[in-house]
Amino acid sequence: MFTRAQEGWIPQSPKPVKCDFNDIHSPDSWNAWIACDSGVVLMTSCYGISWEPQYSGVTVNLNGVFCLKALETAA
């Protein structure tokens, strides 16, 4: 997982969720989404302190995620 720091998003160790991360996008300093394998999307709204899974509706590997605004995200 990742936590927001002054130099950008930095990895947390160990990862609290076991999935391969393929892309991360952050539309602002609070919110971010991670596209993972098996259709998993993870979201944070607190600088990466905690991450919550989001329903993607698919089971394929997601290779990208993009956010226009905090409530407008596509994977």
N, C-alpha and C. Protein backbone atom coordinates (compact mmCIF):
# COMPACT_ATOMS: atom_id res chain seq x y z
N MET A 1 0.85 -1.17 0.00
CA MET A 1 0.00 0.00 0.00
C MET A 1 0.89 1.23 0.00
N PHE A 2 0.26 2.37 -0.10
CA PHE A 2 1.01 3.62 -0.20
C PHE A 2 0.47 4.63 0.80
N THR A 3 1.35 5.48 1.28
CA THR A 3 0.99 6.57 2.16
C THR A 3 1.49 7.86 1.54
N ARG A 4 0.70 8.91 1.66
CA ARG A 4 1.08 10.20 1.09
C ARG A 4 2.16 10.82 1.97
N ALA A 5 3.24 11.27 1.35
CA ALA A 5 4.33 11.95 2.05
C ALA A 5 4.69 13.20 1.27
N GLN A 6 5.54 14.01 1.84
CA GLN A 6 5.92 15.26 1.18
C GLN A 6 6.50 15.01 -0.21
N GLU A 7 7.24 13.91 -0.37
CA GLU A 7 7.85 13.61 -1.66
C GLU A 7 6.94 12.84 -2.59
N GLY A 8 5.68 12.62 -2.22
CA GLY A 8 4.72 11.89 -3.05
C GLY A 8 4.23 10.65 -2.34
N TRP A 9 3.69 9.70 -3.10
CA TRP A 9 3.18 8.45 -2.53
C TRP A 9 4.35 7.51 -2.31
N ILE A 10 4.47 6.98 -1.09
CA ILE A 10 5.56 6.05 -0.78
C ILE A 10 4.96 4.71 -0.33
N PRO A 11 5.62 3.58 -0.64
CA PRO A 11 5.08 2.27 -0.27
C PRO A 11 5.06 2.05 1.25
N GLN A 12 4.00 1.41 1.73
CA GLN A 12 3.94 0.94 3.10
C GLN A 12 4.46 -0.49 3.13
N SER A 13 5.07 -0.87 4.20
CA SER A 13 5.56 -2.25 4.30
C SER A 13 5.22 -2.77 5.69
N PRO A 14 4.65 -3.96 5.78
CA PRO A 14 4.21 -4.82 4.69
C PRO A 14 2.87 -4.31 4.13
N LYS A 15 2.52 -4.80 2.93
CA LYS A 15 1.25 -4.44 2.32
C LYS A 15 0.11 -5.03 3.12
N PRO A 16 -0.89 -4.24 3.51
CA PRO A 16 -2.02 -4.79 4.27
C PRO A 16 -2.99 -5.61 3.42
N VAL A 17 -2.88 -5.51 2.09
CA VAL A 17 -3.75 -6.27 1.19
C VAL A 17 -2.86 -7.05 0.24
N LYS A 18 -3.18 -8.32 0.04
CA LYS A 18 -2.37 -9.15 -0.85
C LYS A 18 -2.96 -9.15 -2.26
N CYS A 19 -2.47 -8.25 -3.08
CA CYS A 19 -2.83 -8.22 -4.50
C CYS A 19 -1.73 -7.44 -5.22
N ASP A 20 -1.57 -7.71 -6.49
CA ASP A 20 -0.57 -7.00 -7.27
C ASP A 20 -1.14 -5.65 -7.71
N PHE A 21 -0.38 -4.58 -7.48
CA PHE A 21 -0.79 -3.24 -7.84
C PHE A 21 -0.29 -2.94 -9.25
N ASN A 22 -1.16 -2.43 -10.11
CA ASN A 22 -0.80 -2.14 -11.48
C ASN A 22 -0.74 -0.65 -11.80
N ASP A 23 -1.50 0.17 -11.07
CA ASP A 23 -1.50 1.60 -11.34
C ASP A 23 -2.08 2.32 -10.13
N ILE A 24 -1.66 3.55 -9.92
CA ILE A 24 -2.21 4.39 -8.85
C ILE A 24 -2.45 5.77 -9.44
N HIS A 25 -3.56 6.39 -9.04
CA HIS A 25 -3.84 7.76 -9.47
C HIS A 25 -4.45 8.52 -8.31
N SER A 26 -4.04 9.77 -8.18
CA SER A 26 -4.53 10.61 -7.09
C SER A 26 -4.96 11.95 -7.66
N PRO A 27 -6.27 12.27 -7.62
CA PRO A 27 -6.73 13.55 -8.14
C PRO A 27 -6.44 14.72 -7.21
N ASP A 28 -6.12 14.43 -5.96
CA ASP A 28 -5.80 15.47 -4.99
C ASP A 28 -4.95 14.85 -3.89
N SER A 29 -4.60 15.61 -2.88
CA SER A 29 -3.70 15.10 -1.84
C SER A 29 -4.37 14.16 -0.84
N TRP A 30 -5.69 14.08 -0.83
CA TRP A 30 -6.40 13.21 0.12
C TRP A 30 -6.78 11.86 -0.46
N ASN A 31 -7.19 11.83 -1.71
CA ASN A 31 -7.81 10.66 -2.32
C ASN A 31 -6.89 10.00 -3.33
N ALA A 32 -6.99 8.67 -3.40
CA ALA A 32 -6.23 7.92 -4.41
C ALA A 32 -6.91 6.58 -4.64
N TRP A 33 -6.70 6.04 -5.83
CA TRP A 33 -7.21 4.72 -6.20
C TRP A 33 -6.06 3.90 -6.75
N ILE A 34 -6.07 2.59 -6.47
CA ILE A 34 -5.08 1.66 -6.99
C ILE A 34 -5.82 0.60 -7.80
N ALA A 35 -5.38 0.38 -9.04
CA ALA A 35 -5.91 -0.70 -9.88
C ALA A 35 -5.05 -1.94 -9.63
N CYS A 36 -5.71 -3.06 -9.37
CA CYS A 36 -5.01 -4.29 -9.02
C CYS A 36 -5.44 -5.44 -9.94
N ASP A 37 -4.84 -6.60 -9.72
CA ASP A 37 -5.24 -7.80 -10.42
C ASP A 37 -6.59 -8.29 -9.92
N SER A 38 -7.22 -9.15 -10.70
CA SER A 38 -8.49 -9.80 -10.35
C SER A 38 -9.64 -8.82 -10.13
N GLY A 39 -9.57 -7.65 -10.77
CA GLY A 39 -10.66 -6.69 -10.67
C GLY A 39 -10.70 -5.90 -9.39
N VAL A 40 -9.67 -5.99 -8.58
CA VAL A 40 -9.64 -5.28 -7.30
C VAL A 40 -9.26 -3.82 -7.52
N VAL A 41 -10.03 -2.91 -6.90
CA VAL A 41 -9.71 -1.49 -6.86
C VAL A 41 -9.67 -1.09 -5.39
N LEU A 42 -8.61 -0.44 -4.98
CA LEU A 42 -8.49 0.03 -3.60
C LEU A 42 -8.56 1.55 -3.60
N MET A 43 -9.19 2.10 -2.57
CA MET A 43 -9.39 3.55 -2.48
C MET A 43 -9.04 4.06 -1.10
N THR A 44 -8.42 5.22 -1.05
CA THR A 44 -8.16 5.91 0.22
C THR A 44 -8.71 7.32 0.13
N SER A 45 -9.18 7.83 1.23
CA SER A 45 -9.61 9.23 1.31
C SER A 45 -8.95 9.91 2.50
N CYS A 46 -7.84 9.30 2.97
CA CYS A 46 -7.16 9.83 4.17
C CYS A 46 -5.64 9.72 4.03
N TYR A 47 -5.14 10.21 2.92
CA TYR A 47 -3.69 10.21 2.67
C TYR A 47 -3.07 8.81 2.64
N GLY A 48 -3.84 7.77 2.47
CA GLY A 48 -3.30 6.42 2.43
C GLY A 48 -3.13 5.76 3.78
N ILE A 49 -3.66 6.37 4.82
CA ILE A 49 -3.56 5.76 6.15
C ILE A 49 -4.33 4.44 6.17
N SER A 50 -5.48 4.42 5.51
CA SER A 50 -6.23 3.16 5.37
C SER A 50 -6.75 3.08 3.93
N TRP A 51 -6.96 1.86 3.47
CA TRP A 51 -7.42 1.60 2.10
C TRP A 51 -8.64 0.69 2.16
N GLU A 52 -9.63 0.98 1.31
CA GLU A 52 -10.85 0.19 1.26
C GLU A 52 -11.05 -0.37 -0.14
N PRO A 53 -11.46 -1.65 -0.25
CA PRO A 53 -11.74 -2.19 -1.58
C PRO A 53 -13.01 -1.58 -2.16
N GLN A 54 -13.03 -1.36 -3.46
CA GLN A 54 -14.18 -0.83 -4.17
C GLN A 54 -14.64 -1.86 -5.19
N TYR A 55 -15.92 -1.96 -5.44
CA TYR A 55 -16.48 -2.91 -6.39
C TYR A 55 -16.21 -2.43 -7.81
N SER A 56 -15.51 -3.25 -8.61
CA SER A 56 -15.22 -2.88 -9.99
C SER A 56 -16.18 -3.52 -10.98
N GLY A 57 -16.81 -4.62 -10.60
CA GLY A 57 -17.74 -5.30 -11.49
C GLY A 57 -17.08 -6.27 -12.46
N VAL A 58 -15.76 -6.42 -12.38
CA VAL A 58 -15.05 -7.36 -13.26
C VAL A 58 -14.08 -8.19 -12.44
N THR A 59 -13.58 -9.26 -13.05
CA THR A 59 -12.58 -10.10 -12.37
C THR A 59 -11.26 -10.16 -13.14
N VAL A 60 -11.16 -9.37 -14.19
CA VAL A 60 -9.91 -9.33 -14.96
C VAL A 60 -8.91 -8.41 -14.28
N ASN A 61 -7.63 -8.52 -14.67
CA ASN A 61 -6.62 -7.63 -14.13
C ASN A 61 -6.86 -6.21 -14.63
N LEU A 62 -6.83 -5.26 -13.73
CA LEU A 62 -7.01 -3.85 -14.07
C LEU A 62 -5.62 -3.22 -14.18
N ASN A 63 -5.30 -2.70 -15.36
CA ASN A 63 -3.96 -2.18 -15.61
C ASN A 63 -3.86 -0.67 -15.48
N GLY A 64 -4.99 0.01 -15.29
CA GLY A 64 -4.93 1.45 -15.16
C GLY A 64 -6.11 2.00 -14.41
N VAL A 65 -5.92 3.17 -13.82
CA VAL A 65 -6.98 3.87 -13.12
C VAL A 65 -6.74 5.36 -13.34
N PHE A 66 -7.83 6.12 -13.53
CA PHE A 66 -7.71 7.55 -13.74
C PHE A 66 -8.86 8.26 -13.04
N CYS A 67 -8.55 9.35 -12.41
CA CYS A 67 -9.55 10.12 -11.66
C CYS A 67 -9.58 11.56 -12.15
N LEU A 68 -10.75 12.01 -12.61
CA LEU A 68 -10.91 13.42 -12.93
C LEU A 68 -11.07 14.25 -11.66
N LYS A 69 -11.91 13.74 -10.76
CA LYS A 69 -12.16 14.34 -9.46
C LYS A 69 -12.29 13.19 -8.48
N ALA A 70 -12.38 13.50 -7.21
CA ALA A 70 -12.45 12.46 -6.18
C ALA A 70 -13.63 11.52 -6.36
N LEU A 71 -14.73 11.98 -6.96
CA LEU A 71 -15.90 11.11 -7.13
C LEU A 71 -16.11 10.66 -8.56
N GLU A 72 -15.13 10.88 -9.44
CA GLU A 72 -15.23 10.47 -10.83
C GLU A 72 -13.98 9.68 -11.22
N THR A 73 -14.07 8.35 -11.03
CA THR A 73 -12.92 7.49 -11.24
C THR A 73 -13.28 6.36 -12.19
N ALA A 74 -12.35 6.02 -13.08
CA ALA A 74 -12.53 4.91 -14.01
C ALA A 74 -11.30 4.01 -13.96
N ALA A 75 -11.54 2.69 -13.95
CA ALA A 75 -10.43 1.73 -13.94
C ALA A 75 -10.53 0.88 -15.20
